[in-house]
Amino acid sequence: MAVSIAQYTPLLFGERCQAVGSRCSIGSAGDCYDSAMAESIFATLEGELLARQPFRGHLEARTALFEYLEVFDNRQRRHSALGYLSPDAYERRWATQTVVVA
């Protein structure tokens, strides 16, 4: 039975990260935790933006995506993981509570 080097790549990568004192952000094959957050973001994006309107071209889609992420999602949409604050409000609150040490 032939075994591909690609099957050992994650193991070798993990060993290399451990050797240099780095923590890997990738998991084992079939591990759902690595992609769960990205899948959630893309599902929300698809349901709230992409499925609601057709785009006539790349530039129109790109503009709509920018407006959705930068204007709506980051500044207005409340996120449960942030205590139902927008990312913008969460960062402003965090910045005012953080003591700067010189």
PDB file of N, CA and C in Angstrom:
ATOM      1  N   MET A   1       0.848  -1.185   0.000  1.00  0.00           N
ATOM      2  CA  MET A   1       0.000   0.000   0.000  1.00  0.00           C
ATOM      3  C   MET A   1       0.888   1.242   0.000  1.00  0.00           C
ATOM      4  N   ALA A   2       0.696   2.113  -0.969  1.00  0.00           N
ATOM      5  CA  ALA A   2       1.495   3.331  -1.077  1.00  0.00           C
ATOM      6  C   ALA A   2       0.944   4.397  -0.135  1.00  0.00           C
ATOM      7  N   VAL A   3       1.831   5.074   0.555  1.00  0.00           N
ATOM      8  CA  VAL A   3       1.449   6.139   1.485  1.00  0.00           C
ATOM      9  C   VAL A   3       2.055   7.441   0.993  1.00  0.00           C
ATOM     10  N   SER A   4       1.241   8.440   0.888  1.00  0.00           N
ATOM     11  CA  SER A   4       1.675   9.748   0.414  1.00  0.00           C
ATOM     12  C   SER A   4       2.334  10.535   1.534  1.00  0.00           C
ATOM     13  N   ILE A   5       3.316  11.346   1.171  1.00  0.00           N
ATOM     14  CA  ILE A   5       3.965  12.219   2.154  1.00  0.00           C
ATOM     15  C   ILE A   5       2.963  13.241   2.701  1.00  0.00           C
ATOM     16  N   ALA A   6       1.937  13.554   1.921  1.00  0.00           N
ATOM     17  CA  ALA A   6       0.923  14.519   2.371  1.00  0.00           C
ATOM     18  C   ALA A   6       0.207  14.037   3.628  1.00  0.00           C
ATOM     19  N   GLN A   7       0.129  12.703   3.812  1.00  0.00           N
ATOM     20  CA  GLN A   7      -0.521  12.181   5.004  1.00  0.00           C
ATOM     21  C   GLN A   7       0.273  12.492   6.263  1.00  0.00           C
ATOM     22  N   TYR A   8       1.569  12.695   6.127  1.00  0.00           N
ATOM     23  CA  TYR A   8       2.416  12.960   7.284  1.00  0.00           C
ATOM     24  C   TYR A   8       2.688  14.445   7.491  1.00  0.00           C
ATOM     25  N   THR A   9       2.301  15.281   6.549  1.00  0.00           N
ATOM     26  CA  THR A   9       2.592  16.709   6.639  1.00  0.00           C
ATOM     27  C   THR A   9       2.046  17.352   7.905  1.00  0.00           C
ATOM     28  N   PRO A  10       0.768  17.139   8.294  1.00  0.00           N
ATOM     29  CA  PRO A  10       0.286  17.763   9.530  1.00  0.00           C
ATOM     30  C   PRO A  10       1.073  17.325  10.766  1.00  0.00           C
ATOM     31  N   LEU A  11       1.464  16.065  10.809  1.00  0.00           N
ATOM     32  CA  LEU A  11       2.238  15.566  11.938  1.00  0.00           C
ATOM     33  C   LEU A  11       3.610  16.243  11.984  1.00  0.00           C
ATOM     34  N   LEU A  12       4.278  16.316  10.838  1.00  0.00           N
ATOM     35  CA  LEU A  12       5.593  16.957  10.783  1.00  0.00           C
ATOM     36  C   LEU A  12       5.502  18.447  11.111  1.00  0.00           C
ATOM     37  N   PHE A  13       4.460  19.097  10.615  1.00  0.00           N
ATOM     38  CA  PHE A  13       4.258  20.515  10.906  1.00  0.00           C
ATOM     39  C   PHE A  13       4.051  20.725  12.399  1.00  0.00           C
ATOM     40  N   GLY A  14       3.226  19.893  12.997  1.00  0.00           N
ATOM     41  CA  GLY A  14       2.977  19.982  14.434  1.00  0.00           C
ATOM     42  C   GLY A  14       4.238  19.766  15.253  1.00  0.00           C
ATOM     43  N   GLU A  15       5.032  18.806  14.842  1.00  0.00           N
ATOM     44  CA  GLU A  15       6.294  18.549  15.539  1.00  0.00           C
ATOM     45  C   GLU A  15       7.243  19.737  15.420  1.00  0.00           C
ATOM     46  N   ARG A  16       7.279  20.353  14.244  1.00  0.00           N
ATOM     47  CA  ARG A  16       8.151  21.515  14.030  1.00  0.00           C
ATOM     48  C   ARG A  16       7.686  22.702  14.878  1.00  0.00           C
ATOM     49  N   CYS A  17       6.394  22.914  14.924  1.00  0.00           N
ATOM     50  CA  CYS A  17       5.864  24.004  15.758  1.00  0.00           C
ATOM     51  C   CYS A  17       6.221  23.785  17.223  1.00  0.00           C
ATOM     52  N   GLN A  18       6.069  22.557  17.675  1.00  0.00           N
ATOM     53  CA  GLN A  18       6.391  22.239  19.066  1.00  0.00           C
ATOM     54  C   GLN A  18       7.878  22.444  19.337  1.00  0.00           C
ATOM     55  N   ALA A  19       8.722  22.087  18.385  1.00  0.00           N
ATOM     56  CA  ALA A  19      10.173  22.217  18.555  1.00  0.00           C
ATOM     57  C   ALA A  19      10.607  23.668  18.717  1.00  0.00           C
ATOM     58  N   VAL A  20       9.913  24.595  18.067  1.00  0.00           N
ATOM     59  CA  VAL A  20      10.277  26.017  18.175  1.00  0.00           C
ATOM     60  C   VAL A  20       9.445  26.757  19.206  1.00  0.00           C
ATOM     61  N   GLY A  21       8.595  26.022  19.932  1.00  0.00           N
ATOM     62  CA  GLY A  21       7.809  26.633  20.994  1.00  0.00           C
ATOM     63  C   GLY A  21       6.567  27.363  20.525  1.00  0.00           C
ATOM     64  N   SER A  22       6.069  27.007  19.348  1.00  0.00           N
ATOM     65  CA  SER A  22       4.872  27.646  18.797  1.00  0.00           C
ATOM     66  C   SER A  22       3.672  26.732  18.962  1.00  0.00           C
ATOM     67  N   ARG A  23       2.513  27.322  19.152  1.00  0.00           N
ATOM     68  CA  ARG A  23       1.283  26.550  19.276  1.00  0.00           C
ATOM     69  C   ARG A  23       0.540  26.553  17.950  1.00  0.00           C
ATOM     70  N   CYS A  24       0.229  25.386  17.441  1.00  0.00           N
ATOM     71  CA  CYS A  24      -0.447  25.274  16.142  1.00  0.00           C
ATOM     72  C   CYS A  24      -1.900  25.695  16.254  1.00  0.00           C
ATOM     73  N   SER A  25      -2.407  26.250  15.164  1.00  0.00           N
ATOM     74  CA  SER A  25      -3.815  26.607  15.132  1.00  0.00           C
ATOM     75  C   SER A  25      -4.612  25.591  14.323  1.00  0.00           C
ATOM     76  N   ILE A  26      -3.955  24.546  13.855  1.00  0.00           N
ATOM     77  CA  ILE A  26      -4.649  23.518  13.086  1.00  0.00           C
ATOM     78  C   ILE A  26      -4.811  22.280  13.946  1.00  0.00           C
ATOM     79  N   GLY A  27      -5.853  21.546  13.703  1.00  0.00           N
ATOM     80  CA  GLY A  27      -6.116  20.345  14.475  1.00  0.00           C
ATOM     81  C   GLY A  27      -5.909  19.101  13.654  1.00  0.00           C
ATOM     82  N   SER A  28      -6.441  18.027  14.147  1.00  0.00           N
ATOM     83  CA  SER A  28      -6.310  16.758  13.457  1.00  0.00           C
ATOM     84  C   SER A  28      -7.363  16.640  12.369  1.00  0.00           C
ATOM     85  N   ALA A  29      -7.195  15.644  11.515  1.00  0.00           N
ATOM     86  CA  ALA A  29      -8.154  15.419  10.434  1.00  0.00           C
ATOM     87  C   ALA A  29      -9.534  15.154  11.024  1.00  0.00           C
ATOM     88  N   GLY A  30     -10.533  15.787  10.460  1.00  0.00           N
ATOM     89  CA  GLY A  30     -11.895  15.599  10.928  1.00  0.00           C
ATOM     90  C   GLY A  30     -12.254  16.422  12.147  1.00  0.00           C
ATOM     91  N   ASP A  31     -11.345  17.251  12.614  1.00  0.00           N
ATOM     92  CA  ASP A  31     -11.573  18.100  13.779  1.00  0.00           C
ATOM     93  C   ASP A  31     -12.428  19.294  13.359  1.00  0.00           C
ATOM     94  N   CYS A  32     -13.592  19.432  13.952  1.00  0.00           N
ATOM     95  CA  CYS A  32     -14.517  20.486  13.525  1.00  0.00           C
ATOM     96  C   CYS A  32     -14.185  21.845  14.113  1.00  0.00           C
ATOM     97  N   TYR A  33     -13.328  21.909  15.111  1.00  0.00           N
ATOM     98  CA  TYR A  33     -13.121  23.166  15.820  1.00  0.00           C
ATOM     99  C   TYR A  33     -12.362  24.199  15.002  1.00  0.00           C
ATOM    100  N   ASP A  34     -11.479  23.766  14.105  1.00  0.00           N
ATOM    101  CA  ASP A  34     -10.692  24.716  13.329  1.00  0.00           C
ATOM    102  C   ASP A  34     -11.546  25.548  12.393  1.00  0.00           C
ATOM    103  N   SER A  35     -12.526  24.936  11.783  1.00  0.00           N
ATOM    104  CA  SER A  35     -13.291  25.645  10.767  1.00  0.00           C
ATOM    105  C   SER A  35     -14.651  26.138  11.257  1.00  0.00           C
ATOM    106  N   ALA A  36     -15.020  25.846  12.480  1.00  0.00           N
ATOM    107  CA  ALA A  36     -16.352  26.195  12.968  1.00  0.00           C
ATOM    108  C   ALA A  36     -16.607  27.697  12.931  1.00  0.00           C
ATOM    109  N   MET A  37     -15.652  28.503  13.359  1.00  0.00           N
ATOM    110  CA  MET A  37     -15.845  29.944  13.382  1.00  0.00           C
ATOM    111  C   MET A  37     -15.948  30.492  11.959  1.00  0.00           C
ATOM    112  N   ALA A  38     -15.055  30.050  11.078  1.00  0.00           N
ATOM    113  CA  ALA A  38     -15.101  30.518   9.691  1.00  0.00           C
ATOM    114  C   ALA A  38     -16.407  30.106   9.027  1.00  0.00           C
ATOM    115  N   GLU A  39     -16.844  28.883   9.265  1.00  0.00           N
ATOM    116  CA  GLU A  39     -18.096  28.423   8.680  1.00  0.00           C
ATOM    117  C   GLU A  39     -19.275  29.237   9.199  1.00  0.00           C
ATOM    118  N   SER A  40     -19.255  29.599  10.456  1.00  0.00           N
ATOM    119  CA  SER A  40     -20.316  30.419  11.026  1.00  0.00           C
ATOM    120  C   SER A  40     -20.352  31.798  10.385  1.00  0.00           C
ATOM    121  N   ILE A  41     -19.182  32.397  10.209  1.00  0.00           N
ATOM    122  CA  ILE A  41     -19.101  33.720   9.584  1.00  0.00           C
ATOM    123  C   ILE A  41     -19.616  33.663   8.154  1.00  0.00           C
ATOM    124  N   PHE A  42     -19.176  32.649   7.397  1.00  0.00           N
ATOM    125  CA  PHE A  42     -19.602  32.548   6.003  1.00  0.00           C
ATOM    126  C   PHE A  42     -21.092  32.240   5.884  1.00  0.00           C
ATOM    127  N   ALA A  43     -21.627  31.449   6.797  1.00  0.00           N
ATOM    128  CA  ALA A  43     -23.068  31.159   6.773  1.00  0.00           C
ATOM    129  C   ALA A  43     -23.875  32.428   7.044  1.00  0.00           C
ATOM    130  N   THR A  44     -23.436  33.224   8.001  1.00  0.00           N
ATOM    131  CA  THR A  44     -24.108  34.484   8.306  1.00  0.00           C
ATOM    132  C   THR A  44     -24.013  35.437   7.117  1.00  0.00           C
ATOM    133  N   LEU A  45     -22.829  35.545   6.549  1.00  0.00           N
ATOM    134  CA  LEU A  45     -22.623  36.410   5.398  1.00  0.00           C
ATOM    135  C   LEU A  45     -23.509  35.988   4.229  1.00  0.00           C
ATOM    136  N   GLU A  46     -23.583  34.704   3.983  1.00  0.00           N
ATOM    137  CA  GLU A  46     -24.411  34.214   2.881  1.00  0.00           C
ATOM    138  C   GLU A  46     -25.885  34.505   3.129  1.00  0.00           C
ATOM    139  N   GLY A  47     -26.359  34.248   4.338  1.00  0.00           N
ATOM    140  CA  GLY A  47     -27.766  34.460   4.653  1.00  0.00           C
ATOM    141  C   GLY A  47     -28.179  35.915   4.699  1.00  0.00           C
ATOM    142  N   GLU A  48     -27.283  36.782   5.174  1.00  0.00           N
ATOM    143  CA  GLU A  48     -27.636  38.184   5.349  1.00  0.00           C
ATOM    144  C   GLU A  48     -27.291  39.071   4.156  1.00  0.00           C
ATOM    145  N   LEU A  49     -26.406  38.615   3.281  1.00  0.00           N
ATOM    146  CA  LEU A  49     -26.001  39.475   2.165  1.00  0.00           C
ATOM    147  C   LEU A  49     -26.102  38.766   0.826  1.00  0.00           C
ATOM    148  N   LEU A  50     -25.395  37.691   0.666  1.00  0.00           N
ATOM    149  CA  LEU A  50     -25.253  37.077  -0.650  1.00  0.00           C
ATOM    150  C   LEU A  50     -26.540  36.473  -1.191  1.00  0.00           C
ATOM    151  N   ALA A  51     -27.350  35.875  -0.343  1.00  0.00           N
ATOM    152  CA  ALA A  51     -28.579  35.230  -0.802  1.00  0.00           C
ATOM    153  C   ALA A  51     -29.694  36.238  -1.073  1.00  0.00           C
ATOM    154  N   ARG A  52     -29.522  37.471  -0.649  1.00  0.00           N
ATOM    155  CA  ARG A  52     -30.591  38.467  -0.761  1.00  0.00           C
ATOM    156  C   ARG A  52     -30.539  39.308  -2.028  1.00  0.00           C
ATOM    157  N   GLN A  53     -29.395  39.308  -2.711  1.00  0.00           N
ATOM    158  CA  GLN A  53     -29.301  40.165  -3.891  1.00  0.00           C
ATOM    159  C   GLN A  53     -28.334  39.597  -4.914  1.00  0.00           C
ATOM    160  N   PRO A  54     -28.688  39.701  -6.179  1.00  0.00           N
ATOM    161  CA  PRO A  54     -27.749  39.304  -7.228  1.00  0.00           C
ATOM    162  C   PRO A  54     -26.792  40.467  -7.506  1.00  0.00           C
ATOM    163  N   PHE A  55     -25.603  40.162  -7.928  1.00  0.00           N
ATOM    164  CA  PHE A  55     -24.613  41.189  -8.250  1.00  0.00           C
ATOM    165  C   PHE A  55     -24.354  41.182  -9.749  1.00  0.00           C
ATOM    166  N   ARG A  56     -24.220  42.362 -10.332  1.00  0.00           N
ATOM    167  CA  ARG A  56     -23.996  42.473 -11.766  1.00  0.00           C
ATOM    168  C   ARG A  56     -22.533  42.341 -12.149  1.00  0.00           C
ATOM    169  N   GLY A  57     -21.665  42.366 -11.178  1.00  0.00           N
ATOM    170  CA  GLY A  57     -20.243  42.250 -11.495  1.00  0.00           C
ATOM    171  C   GLY A  57     -19.404  42.157 -10.233  1.00  0.00           C
ATOM    172  N   HIS A  58     -18.128  41.944 -10.457  1.00  0.00           N
ATOM    173  CA  HIS A  58     -17.178  41.786  -9.361  1.00  0.00           C
ATOM    174  C   HIS A  58     -17.114  43.035  -8.479  1.00  0.00           C
ATOM    175  N   LEU A  59     -17.066  44.196  -9.096  1.00  0.00           N
ATOM    176  CA  LEU A  59     -16.951  45.442  -8.333  1.00  0.00           C
ATOM    177  C   LEU A  59     -18.177  45.675  -7.464  1.00  0.00           C
ATOM    178  N   GLU A  60     -19.352  45.387  -7.984  1.00  0.00           N
ATOM    179  CA  GLU A  60     -20.579  45.561  -7.202  1.00  0.00           C
ATOM    180  C   GLU A  60     -20.602  44.608  -6.009  1.00  0.00           C
ATOM    181  N   ALA A  61     -20.189  43.376  -6.214  1.00  0.00           N
ATOM    182  CA  ALA A  61     -20.138  42.396  -5.124  1.00  0.00           C
ATOM    183  C   ALA A  61     -19.096  42.800  -4.082  1.00  0.00           C
ATOM    184  N   ARG A  62     -17.960  43.260  -4.561  1.00  0.00           N
ATOM    185  CA  ARG A  62     -16.887  43.669  -3.651  1.00  0.00           C
ATOM    186  C   ARG A  62     -17.312  44.868  -2.805  1.00  0.00           C
ATOM    187  N   THR A  63     -17.983  45.829  -3.408  1.00  0.00           N
ATOM    188  CA  THR A  63     -18.465  47.005  -2.690  1.00  0.00           C
ATOM    189  C   THR A  63     -19.502  46.615  -1.643  1.00  0.00           C
ATOM    190  N   ALA A  64     -20.428  45.743  -2.022  1.00  0.00           N
ATOM    191  CA  ALA A  64     -21.464  45.295  -1.080  1.00  0.00           C
ATOM    192  C   ALA A  64     -20.842  44.534   0.088  1.00  0.00           C
ATOM    193  N   LEU A  65     -19.847  43.721  -0.197  1.00  0.00           N
ATOM    194  CA  LEU A  65     -19.163  42.966   0.859  1.00  0.00           C
ATOM    195  C   LEU A  65     -18.442  43.911   1.813  1.00  0.00           C
ATOM    196  N   PHE A  66     -17.751  44.909   1.275  1.00  0.00           N
ATOM    197  CA  PHE A  66     -17.062  45.882   2.120  1.00  0.00           C
ATOM    198  C   PHE A  66     -18.057  46.621   3.010  1.00  0.00           C
ATOM    199  N   GLU A  67     -19.159  47.096   2.422  1.00  0.00           N
ATOM    200  CA  GLU A  67     -20.153  47.826   3.204  1.00  0.00           C
ATOM    201  C   GLU A  67     -20.774  46.945   4.284  1.00  0.00           C
ATOM    202  N   TYR A  68     -21.032  45.685   3.958  1.00  0.00           N
ATOM    203  CA  TYR A  68     -21.607  44.773   4.943  1.00  0.00           C
ATOM    204  C   TYR A  68     -20.641  44.569   6.112  1.00  0.00           C
ATOM    205  N   LEU A  69     -19.380  44.263   5.799  1.00  0.00           N
ATOM    206  CA  LEU A  69     -18.417  43.966   6.860  1.00  0.00           C
ATOM    207  C   LEU A  69     -18.014  45.212   7.638  1.00  0.00           C
ATOM    208  N   GLU A  70     -17.591  46.242   6.931  1.00  0.00           N
ATOM    209  CA  GLU A  70     -17.038  47.414   7.608  1.00  0.00           C
ATOM    210  C   GLU A  70     -18.106  48.308   8.229  1.00  0.00           C
ATOM    211  N   VAL A  71     -19.192  48.557   7.515  1.00  0.00           N
ATOM    212  CA  VAL A  71     -20.201  49.474   8.016  1.00  0.00           C
ATOM    213  C   VAL A  71     -21.196  48.773   8.938  1.00  0.00           C
ATOM    214  N   PHE A  72     -21.768  47.661   8.483  1.00  0.00           N
ATOM    215  CA  PHE A  72     -22.803  47.006   9.275  1.00  0.00           C
ATOM    216  C   PHE A  72     -22.218  46.069  10.333  1.00  0.00           C
ATOM    217  N   ASP A  73     -21.467  45.068   9.920  1.00  0.00           N
ATOM    218  CA  ASP A  73     -21.038  44.022  10.849  1.00  0.00           C
ATOM    219  C   ASP A  73     -20.100  44.545  11.938  1.00  0.00           C
ATOM    220  N   ASN A  74     -19.154  45.383  11.577  1.00  0.00           N
ATOM    221  CA  ASN A  74     -18.185  45.874  12.566  1.00  0.00           C
ATOM    222  C   ASN A  74     -18.696  47.032  13.411  1.00  0.00           C
ATOM    223  N   ARG A  75     -19.587  47.851  12.860  1.00  0.00           N
ATOM    224  CA  ARG A  75     -20.010  49.056  13.581  1.00  0.00           C
ATOM    225  C   ARG A  75     -21.401  48.983  14.189  1.00  0.00           C
ATOM    226  N   GLN A  76     -22.297  48.151  13.620  1.00  0.00           N
ATOM    227  CA  GLN A  76     -23.681  48.164  14.076  1.00  0.00           C
ATOM    228  C   GLN A  76     -24.166  46.819  14.612  1.00  0.00           C
ATOM    229  N   ARG A  77     -23.837  45.737  13.929  1.00  0.00           N
ATOM    230  CA  ARG A  77     -24.377  44.422  14.298  1.00  0.00           C
ATOM    231  C   ARG A  77     -23.824  43.980  15.653  1.00  0.00           C
ATOM    232  N   ARG A  78     -24.736  43.592  16.544  1.00  0.00           N
ATOM    233  CA  ARG A  78     -24.323  43.129  17.869  1.00  0.00           C
ATOM    234  C   ARG A  78     -23.971  41.645  17.798  1.00  0.00           C
ATOM    235  N   HIS A  79     -22.875  41.262  18.450  1.00  0.00           N
ATOM    236  CA  HIS A  79     -22.366  39.894  18.429  1.00  0.00           C
ATOM    237  C   HIS A  79     -22.516  39.278  19.820  1.00  0.00           C
ATOM    238  N   SER A  80     -23.103  38.108  19.891  1.00  0.00           N
ATOM    239  CA  SER A  80     -23.326  37.461  21.186  1.00  0.00           C
ATOM    240  C   SER A  80     -22.012  37.167  21.906  1.00  0.00           C
ATOM    241  N   ALA A  81     -20.972  36.843  21.151  1.00  0.00           N
ATOM    242  CA  ALA A  81     -19.673  36.529  21.770  1.00  0.00           C
ATOM    243  C   ALA A  81     -19.022  37.760  22.401  1.00  0.00           C
ATOM    244  N   LEU A  82     -19.516  38.949  22.069  1.00  0.00           N
ATOM    245  CA  LEU A  82     -18.961  40.193  22.613  1.00  0.00           C
ATOM    246  C   LEU A  82     -19.917  40.847  23.600  1.00  0.00           C
ATOM    247  N   GLY A  83     -20.766  40.037  24.212  1.00  0.00           N
ATOM    248  CA  GLY A  83     -21.722  40.577  25.177  1.00  0.00           C
ATOM    249  C   GLY A  83     -22.790  41.424  24.510  1.00  0.00           C
ATOM    250  N   TYR A  84     -23.141  41.066  23.298  1.00  0.00           N
ATOM    251  CA  TYR A  84     -24.156  41.775  22.498  1.00  0.00           C
ATOM    252  C   TYR A  84     -23.773  43.229  22.224  1.00  0.00           C
ATOM    253  N   LEU A  85     -22.475  43.446  22.012  1.00  0.00           N
ATOM    254  CA  LEU A  85     -21.964  44.731  21.548  1.00  0.00           C
ATOM    255  C   LEU A  85     -21.459  44.550  20.126  1.00  0.00           C
ATOM    256  N   SER A  86     -21.385  45.629  19.378  1.00  0.00           N
ATOM    257  CA  SER A  86     -20.738  45.554  18.069  1.00  0.00           C
ATOM    258  C   SER A  86     -19.232  45.463  18.303  1.00  0.00           C
ATOM    259  N   PRO A  87     -18.462  44.934  17.342  1.00  0.00           N
ATOM    260  CA  PRO A  87     -17.012  44.904  17.523  1.00  0.00           C
ATOM    261  C   PRO A  87     -16.432  46.290  17.783  1.00  0.00           C
ATOM    262  N   ASP A  88     -16.962  47.296  17.114  1.00  0.00           N
ATOM    263  CA  ASP A  88     -16.500  48.663  17.313  1.00  0.00           C
ATOM    264  C   ASP A  88     -16.744  49.131  18.747  1.00  0.00           C
ATOM    265  N   ALA A  89     -17.958  48.907  19.250  1.00  0.00           N
ATOM    266  CA  ALA A  89     -18.287  49.306  20.626  1.00  0.00           C
ATOM    267  C   ALA A  89     -17.476  48.504  21.641  1.00  0.00           C
ATOM    268  N   TYR A  90     -17.268  47.228  21.356  1.00  0.00           N
ATOM    269  CA  TYR A  90     -16.496  46.380  22.256  1.00  0.00           C
ATOM    270  C   TYR A  90     -15.054  46.883  22.366  1.00  0.00           C
ATOM    271  N   GLU A  91     -14.466  47.213  21.233  1.00  0.00           N
ATOM    272  CA  GLU A  91     -13.081  47.708  21.246  1.00  0.00           C
ATOM    273  C   GLU A  91     -12.975  49.070  21.927  1.00  0.00           C
ATOM    274  N   ARG A  92     -13.963  49.935  21.712  1.00  0.00           N
ATOM    275  CA  ARG A  92     -13.944  51.239  22.392  1.00  0.00           C
ATOM    276  C   ARG A  92     -14.052  51.054  23.906  1.00  0.00           C
ATOM    277  N   ARG A  93     -14.931  50.145  24.330  1.00  0.00           N
ATOM    278  CA  ARG A  93     -15.089  49.881  25.768  1.00  0.00           C
ATOM    279  C   ARG A  93     -13.793  49.304  26.336  1.00  0.00           C
ATOM    280  N   TRP A  94     -13.198  48.368  25.620  1.00  0.00           N
ATOM    281  CA  TRP A  94     -11.962  47.736  26.080  1.00  0.00           C
ATOM    282  C   TRP A  94     -10.841  48.762  26.187  1.00  0.00           C
ATOM    283  N   ALA A  95     -10.757  49.663  25.219  1.00  0.00           N
ATOM    284  CA  ALA A  95      -9.696  50.670  25.212  1.00  0.00           C
ATOM    285  C   ALA A  95      -9.811  51.629  26.391  1.00  0.00           C
ATOM    286  N   THR A  96     -11.033  51.933  26.810  1.00  0.00           N
ATOM    287  CA  THR A  96     -11.206  52.855  27.931  1.00  0.00           C
ATOM    288  C   THR A  96     -10.963  52.172  29.277  1.00  0.00           C
ATOM    289  N   GLN A  97     -11.038  50.849  29.293  1.00  0.00           N
ATOM    290  CA  GLN A  97     -10.835  50.104  30.541  1.00  0.00           C
ATOM    291  C   GLN A  97      -9.400  49.617  30.696  1.00  0.00           C
ATOM    292  N   THR A  98      -8.597  49.737  29.654  1.00  0.00           N
ATOM    293  CA  THR A  98      -7.232  49.233  29.670  1.00  0.00           C
ATOM    294  C   THR A  98      -6.282  50.306  30.173  1.00  0.00           C
ATOM    295  N   VAL A  99      -5.475  49.947  31.138  1.00  0.00           N
ATOM    296  CA  VAL A  99      -4.483  50.866  31.686  1.00  0.00           C
ATOM    297  C   VAL A  99      -3.211  50.732  30.852  1.00  0.00           C
ATOM    298  N   VAL A 100      -2.711  51.856  30.371  1.00  0.00           N
ATOM    299  CA  VAL A 100      -1.480  51.852  29.579  1.00  0.00           C
ATOM    300  C   VAL A 100      -0.302  51.941  30.526  1.00  0.00           C
ATOM    301  N   VAL A 101       0.622  50.981  30.392  1.00  0.00           N
ATOM    302  CA  VAL A 101       1.830  50.967  31.221  1.00  0.00           C
ATOM    303  C   VAL A 101       3.005  51.377  30.361  1.00  0.00           C
ATOM    304  N   ALA A 102       3.710  52.403  30.782  1.00  0.00           N
ATOM    305  CA  ALA A 102       4.836  52.918  29.994  1.00  0.00           C
ATOM    306  C   ALA A 102       6.101  52.164  30.312  1.00  0.00           C
TER     307      ALA A 102
END
